[in-house]
Amino acid sequence: SVINGAVKAFTEEFALGDALSGFAV
């Protein structure tokens, strides 16, 4: 669950698309 609070922030910082962001999770 800890990644749930971080996912939006690192998605924006690393300029990720939905697919790559979802895979990182």
PDB file of all heavy atoms in Angstrom:
ATOM      1  N   SER A   1       0.792  -1.234   0.000  1.00  0.00           N
ATOM      2  CA  SER A   1       0.000   0.000   0.000  1.00  0.00           C
ATOM      3  C   SER A   1       0.818   1.275   0.000  1.00  0.00           C
ATOM      4  O   SER A   1       0.304   2.338  -0.348  1.00  0.00           O
ATOM      5  CB  SER A   1      -0.942   0.014   1.215  1.00  0.00           C
ATOM      6  OG  SER A   1      -1.952  -0.939   1.087  1.00  0.00           O
ATOM      7  N   VAL A   2       2.100   1.204   0.396  1.00  0.00           N
ATOM      8  CA  VAL A   2       2.874   2.437   0.539  1.00  0.00           C
ATOM      9  C   VAL A   2       3.041   3.157  -0.787  1.00  0.00           C
ATOM     10  O   VAL A   2       3.126   4.392  -0.842  1.00  0.00           O
ATOM     11  CB  VAL A   2       4.248   2.135   1.184  1.00  0.00           C
ATOM     12  CG1 VAL A   2       5.188   1.444   0.192  1.00  0.00           C
ATOM     13  CG2 VAL A   2       4.880   3.402   1.737  1.00  0.00           C
ATOM     14  N   ILE A   3       3.052   2.408  -1.887  1.00  0.00           N
ATOM     15  CA  ILE A   3       3.259   3.032  -3.187  1.00  0.00           C
ATOM     16  C   ILE A   3       2.048   3.849  -3.638  1.00  0.00           C
ATOM     17  O   ILE A   3       2.157   4.730  -4.484  1.00  0.00           O
ATOM     18  CB  ILE A   3       3.611   1.965  -4.249  1.00  0.00           C
ATOM     19  CG1 ILE A   3       4.248   2.629  -5.477  1.00  0.00           C
ATOM     20  CG2 ILE A   3       2.395   1.119  -4.592  1.00  0.00           C
ATOM     21  CD1 ILE A   3       4.881   1.655  -6.437  1.00  0.00           C
ATOM     22  N   ASN A   4       0.876   3.573  -3.047  1.00  0.00           N
ATOM     23  CA  ASN A   4      -0.326   4.298  -3.467  1.00  0.00           C
ATOM     24  C   ASN A   4      -0.203   5.798  -3.255  1.00  0.00           C
ATOM     25  O   ASN A   4      -0.695   6.598  -4.055  1.00  0.00           O
ATOM     26  CB  ASN A   4      -1.549   3.767  -2.705  1.00  0.00           C
ATOM     27  CG  ASN A   4      -1.907   2.361  -3.127  1.00  0.00           C
ATOM     28  OD1 ASN A   4      -1.444   1.875  -4.149  1.00  0.00           O
ATOM     29  ND2 ASN A   4      -2.722   1.685  -2.334  1.00  0.00           N
ATOM     30  N   GLY A   5       0.455   6.216  -2.169  1.00  0.00           N
ATOM     31  CA  GLY A   5       0.613   7.640  -1.914  1.00  0.00           C
ATOM     32  C   GLY A   5       1.684   8.286  -2.768  1.00  0.00           C
ATOM     33  O   GLY A   5       1.715   9.509  -2.916  1.00  0.00           O
ATOM     34  N   ALA A   6       2.579   7.454  -3.342  1.00  0.00           N
ATOM     35  CA  ALA A   6       3.708   7.991  -4.096  1.00  0.00           C
ATOM     36  C   ALA A   6       3.499   7.978  -5.604  1.00  0.00           C
ATOM     37  O   ALA A   6       4.189   8.695  -6.334  1.00  0.00           O
ATOM     38  CB  ALA A   6       4.970   7.202  -3.752  1.00  0.00           C
ATOM     39  N   VAL A   7       2.580   7.155  -6.088  1.00  0.00           N
ATOM     40  CA  VAL A   7       2.511   6.884  -7.526  1.00  0.00           C
ATOM     41  C   VAL A   7       2.249   8.142  -8.364  1.00  0.00           C
ATOM     42  O   VAL A   7       2.883   8.349  -9.404  1.00  0.00           O
ATOM     43  CB  VAL A   7       1.464   5.779  -7.816  1.00  0.00           C
ATOM     44  CG1 VAL A   7       0.065   6.189  -7.379  1.00  0.00           C
ATOM     45  CG2 VAL A   7       1.476   5.419  -9.282  1.00  0.00           C
ATOM     46  N   LYS A   8       1.348   9.002  -7.922  1.00  0.00           N
ATOM     47  CA  LYS A   8       1.044  10.199  -8.704  1.00  0.00           C
ATOM     48  C   LYS A   8       2.253  11.124  -8.781  1.00  0.00           C
ATOM     49  O   LYS A   8       2.569  11.665  -9.848  1.00  0.00           O
ATOM     50  CB  LYS A   8      -0.150  10.938  -8.093  1.00  0.00           C
ATOM     51  CG  LYS A   8      -0.572  12.158  -8.901  1.00  0.00           C
ATOM     52  CD  LYS A   8      -1.802  12.826  -8.287  1.00  0.00           C
ATOM     53  CE  LYS A   8      -2.210  14.048  -9.103  1.00  0.00           C
ATOM     54  NZ  LYS A   8      -3.397  14.729  -8.503  1.00  0.00           N
ATOM     55  N   ALA A   9       2.970  11.264  -7.662  1.00  0.00           N
ATOM     56  CA  ALA A   9       4.118  12.166  -7.622  1.00  0.00           C
ATOM     57  C   ALA A   9       5.267  11.670  -8.497  1.00  0.00           C
ATOM     58  O   ALA A   9       5.842  12.443  -9.272  1.00  0.00           O
ATOM     59  CB  ALA A   9       4.589  12.346  -6.178  1.00  0.00           C
ATOM     60  N   PHE A  10       5.626  10.381  -8.412  1.00  0.00           N
ATOM     61  CA  PHE A  10       6.744   9.930  -9.244  1.00  0.00           C
ATOM     62  C   PHE A  10       6.335   9.786 -10.711  1.00  0.00           C
ATOM     63  O   PHE A  10       7.176   9.872 -11.611  1.00  0.00           O
ATOM     64  CB  PHE A  10       7.418   8.665  -8.697  1.00  0.00           C
ATOM     65  CG  PHE A  10       6.670   7.370  -8.832  1.00  0.00           C
ATOM     66  CD1 PHE A  10       6.407   6.785 -10.071  1.00  0.00           C
ATOM     67  CD2 PHE A  10       6.272   6.668  -7.703  1.00  0.00           C
ATOM     68  CE1 PHE A  10       5.755   5.580 -10.188  1.00  0.00           C
ATOM     69  CE2 PHE A  10       5.623   5.448  -7.806  1.00  0.00           C
ATOM     70  CZ  PHE A  10       5.359   4.903  -9.056  1.00  0.00           C
ATOM     71  N   THR A  11       5.045   9.586 -10.976  1.00  0.00           N
ATOM     72  CA  THR A  11       4.574   9.574 -12.365  1.00  0.00           C
ATOM     73  C   THR A  11       4.799  10.934 -13.015  1.00  0.00           C
ATOM     74  O   THR A  11       5.264  11.032 -14.164  1.00  0.00           O
ATOM     75  CB  THR A  11       3.085   9.200 -12.425  1.00  0.00           C
ATOM     76  OG1 THR A  11       2.912   7.870 -11.937  1.00  0.00           O
ATOM     77  CG2 THR A  11       2.550   9.286 -13.841  1.00  0.00           C
ATOM     78  N   GLU A  12       4.515  11.997 -12.262  1.00  0.00           N
ATOM     79  CA  GLU A  12       4.732  13.353 -12.784  1.00  0.00           C
ATOM     80  C   GLU A  12       6.221  13.691 -12.861  1.00  0.00           C
ATOM     81  O   GLU A  12       6.683  14.281 -13.835  1.00  0.00           O
ATOM     82  CB  GLU A  12       4.002  14.359 -11.902  1.00  0.00           C
ATOM     83  CG  GLU A  12       2.485  14.247 -11.973  1.00  0.00           C
ATOM     84  CD  GLU A  12       1.778  15.165 -10.986  1.00  0.00           C
ATOM     85  OE1 GLU A  12       2.477  15.802 -10.162  1.00  0.00           O
ATOM     86  OE2 GLU A  12       0.529  15.240 -11.029  1.00  0.00           O
ATOM     87  N   GLU A  13       6.999  13.292 -11.841  1.00  0.00           N
ATOM     88  CA  GLU A  13       8.425  13.634 -11.833  1.00  0.00           C
ATOM     89  C   GLU A  13       9.176  12.963 -12.965  1.00  0.00           C
ATOM     90  O   GLU A  13      10.052  13.562 -13.580  1.00  0.00           O
ATOM     91  CB  GLU A  13       9.050  13.237 -10.493  1.00  0.00           C
ATOM     92  CG  GLU A  13      10.541  13.530 -10.424  1.00  0.00           C
ATOM     93  CD  GLU A  13      11.064  13.635  -9.006  1.00  0.00           C
ATOM     94  OE1 GLU A  13      10.266  13.916  -8.090  1.00  0.00           O
ATOM     95  OE2 GLU A  13      12.266  13.446  -8.819  1.00  0.00           O
ATOM     96  N   PHE A  14       8.847  11.700 -13.250  1.00  0.00           N
ATOM     97  CA  PHE A  14       9.544  10.975 -14.307  1.00  0.00           C
ATOM     98  C   PHE A  14       8.808  11.027 -15.642  1.00  0.00           C
ATOM     99  O   PHE A  14       9.225  10.375 -16.604  1.00  0.00           O
ATOM    100  CB  PHE A  14       9.743   9.510 -13.891  1.00  0.00           C
ATOM    101  CG  PHE A  14      10.596   9.338 -12.666  1.00  0.00           C
ATOM    102  CD1 PHE A  14      10.278   8.363 -11.721  1.00  0.00           C
ATOM    103  CD2 PHE A  14      11.705  10.138 -12.440  1.00  0.00           C
ATOM    104  CE1 PHE A  14      11.061   8.185 -10.592  1.00  0.00           C
ATOM    105  CE2 PHE A  14      12.490   9.975 -11.299  1.00  0.00           C
ATOM    106  CZ  PHE A  14      12.169   9.000 -10.373  1.00  0.00           C
ATOM    107  N   ALA A  15       7.698  11.805 -15.705  1.00  0.00           N
ATOM    108  CA  ALA A  15       6.917  11.987 -16.935  1.00  0.00           C
ATOM    109  C   ALA A  15       6.517  10.642 -17.543  1.00  0.00           C
ATOM    110  O   ALA A  15       6.805  10.346 -18.704  1.00  0.00           O
ATOM    111  CB  ALA A  15       7.700  12.831 -17.944  1.00  0.00           C
ATOM    112  N   LEU A  16       5.835   9.818 -16.769  1.00  0.00           N
ATOM    113  CA  LEU A  16       5.478   8.473 -17.206  1.00  0.00           C
ATOM    114  C   LEU A  16       4.094   8.445 -17.839  1.00  0.00           C
ATOM    115  O   LEU A  16       3.205   9.204 -17.466  1.00  0.00           O
ATOM    116  CB  LEU A  16       5.492   7.512 -16.012  1.00  0.00           C
ATOM    117  CG  LEU A  16       6.767   7.458 -15.170  1.00  0.00           C
ATOM    118  CD1 LEU A  16       6.609   6.428 -14.064  1.00  0.00           C
ATOM    119  CD2 LEU A  16       7.972   7.135 -16.033  1.00  0.00           C
ATOM    120  N   GLY A  17       3.926   7.547 -18.799  1.00  0.00           N
ATOM    121  CA  GLY A  17       2.611   7.260 -19.322  1.00  0.00           C
ATOM    122  C   GLY A  17       1.882   6.295 -18.414  1.00  0.00           C
ATOM    123  O   GLY A  17       2.454   5.737 -17.466  1.00  0.00           O
ATOM    124  N   ASP A  18       0.608   6.041 -18.717  1.00  0.00           N
ATOM    125  CA  ASP A  18      -0.199   5.180 -17.861  1.00  0.00           C
ATOM    126  C   ASP A  18       0.370   3.764 -17.781  1.00  0.00           C
ATOM    127  O   ASP A  18       0.398   3.158 -16.707  1.00  0.00           O
ATOM    128  CB  ASP A  18      -1.641   5.125 -18.384  1.00  0.00           C
ATOM    129  CG  ASP A  18      -2.370   6.440 -18.166  1.00  0.00           C
ATOM    130  OD1 ASP A  18      -1.887   7.234 -17.338  1.00  0.00           O
ATOM    131  OD2 ASP A  18      -3.402   6.668 -18.816  1.00  0.00           O
ATOM    132  N   ALA A  19       0.825   3.223 -18.928  1.00  0.00           N
ATOM    133  CA  ALA A  19       1.301   1.840 -18.952  1.00  0.00           C
ATOM    134  C   ALA A  19       2.548   1.671 -18.092  1.00  0.00           C
ATOM    135  O   ALA A  19       2.640   0.741 -17.276  1.00  0.00           O
ATOM    136  CB  ALA A  19       1.588   1.406 -20.384  1.00  0.00           C
ATOM    137  N   LEU A  20       3.522   2.581 -18.239  1.00  0.00           N
ATOM    138  CA  LEU A  20       4.765   2.465 -17.488  1.00  0.00           C
ATOM    139  C   LEU A  20       4.533   2.742 -16.011  1.00  0.00           C
ATOM    140  O   LEU A  20       5.135   2.099 -15.141  1.00  0.00           O
ATOM    141  CB  LEU A  20       5.816   3.426 -18.053  1.00  0.00           C
ATOM    142  CG  LEU A  20       7.275   3.174 -17.632  1.00  0.00           C
ATOM    143  CD1 LEU A  20       7.664   1.733 -17.900  1.00  0.00           C
ATOM    144  CD2 LEU A  20       8.206   4.124 -18.372  1.00  0.00           C
ATOM    145  N   SER A  21       3.662   3.687 -15.719  1.00  0.00           N
ATOM    146  CA  SER A  21       3.331   3.976 -14.329  1.00  0.00           C
ATOM    147  C   SER A  21       2.676   2.766 -13.669  1.00  0.00           C
ATOM    148  O   SER A  21       3.021   2.387 -12.539  1.00  0.00           O
ATOM    149  CB  SER A  21       2.389   5.179 -14.252  1.00  0.00           C
ATOM    150  OG  SER A  21       1.967   5.406 -12.922  1.00  0.00           O
ATOM    151  N   GLY A  22       1.751   2.123 -14.383  1.00  0.00           N
ATOM    152  CA  GLY A  22       1.091   0.939 -13.847  1.00  0.00           C
ATOM    153  C   GLY A  22       2.060  -0.213 -13.639  1.00  0.00           C
ATOM    154  O   GLY A  22       1.969  -0.936 -12.647  1.00  0.00           O
ATOM    155  N   PHE A  23       3.022  -0.354 -14.557  1.00  0.00           N
ATOM    156  CA  PHE A  23       4.005  -1.423 -14.409  1.00  0.00           C
ATOM    157  C   PHE A  23       4.909  -1.160 -13.207  1.00  0.00           C
ATOM    158  O   PHE A  23       5.275  -2.091 -12.485  1.00  0.00           O
ATOM    159  CB  PHE A  23       4.849  -1.550 -15.675  1.00  0.00           C
ATOM    160  CG  PHE A  23       5.825  -2.694 -15.627  1.00  0.00           C
ATOM    161  CD1 PHE A  23       5.384  -4.004 -15.693  1.00  0.00           C
ATOM    162  CD2 PHE A  23       7.178  -2.460 -15.504  1.00  0.00           C
ATOM    163  CE1 PHE A  23       6.269  -5.066 -15.639  1.00  0.00           C
ATOM    164  CE2 PHE A  23       8.078  -3.503 -15.448  1.00  0.00           C
ATOM    165  CZ  PHE A  23       7.625  -4.814 -15.520  1.00  0.00           C
ATOM    166  N   ALA A  24       5.270   0.115 -12.977  1.00  0.00           N
ATOM    167  CA  ALA A  24       6.102   0.451 -11.816  1.00  0.00           C
ATOM    168  C   ALA A  24       5.392   0.101 -10.510  1.00  0.00           C
ATOM    169  O   ALA A  24       6.039  -0.270  -9.519  1.00  0.00           O
ATOM    170  CB  ALA A  24       6.451   1.942 -11.837  1.00  0.00           C
ATOM    171  N   VAL A  25       4.062   0.204 -10.511  1.00  0.00           N
ATOM    172  CA  VAL A  25       3.284  -0.164  -9.328  1.00  0.00           C
ATOM    173  C   VAL A  25       3.216  -1.683  -9.174  1.00  0.00           C
ATOM    174  O   VAL A  25       3.401  -2.233  -8.087  1.00  0.00           O
ATOM    175  CB  VAL A  25       1.866   0.425  -9.403  1.00  0.00           C
ATOM    176  CG1 VAL A  25       0.996  -0.108  -8.269  1.00  0.00           C
ATOM    177  CG2 VAL A  25       1.923   1.949  -9.352  1.00  0.00           C
TER     178      VAL A  25
END
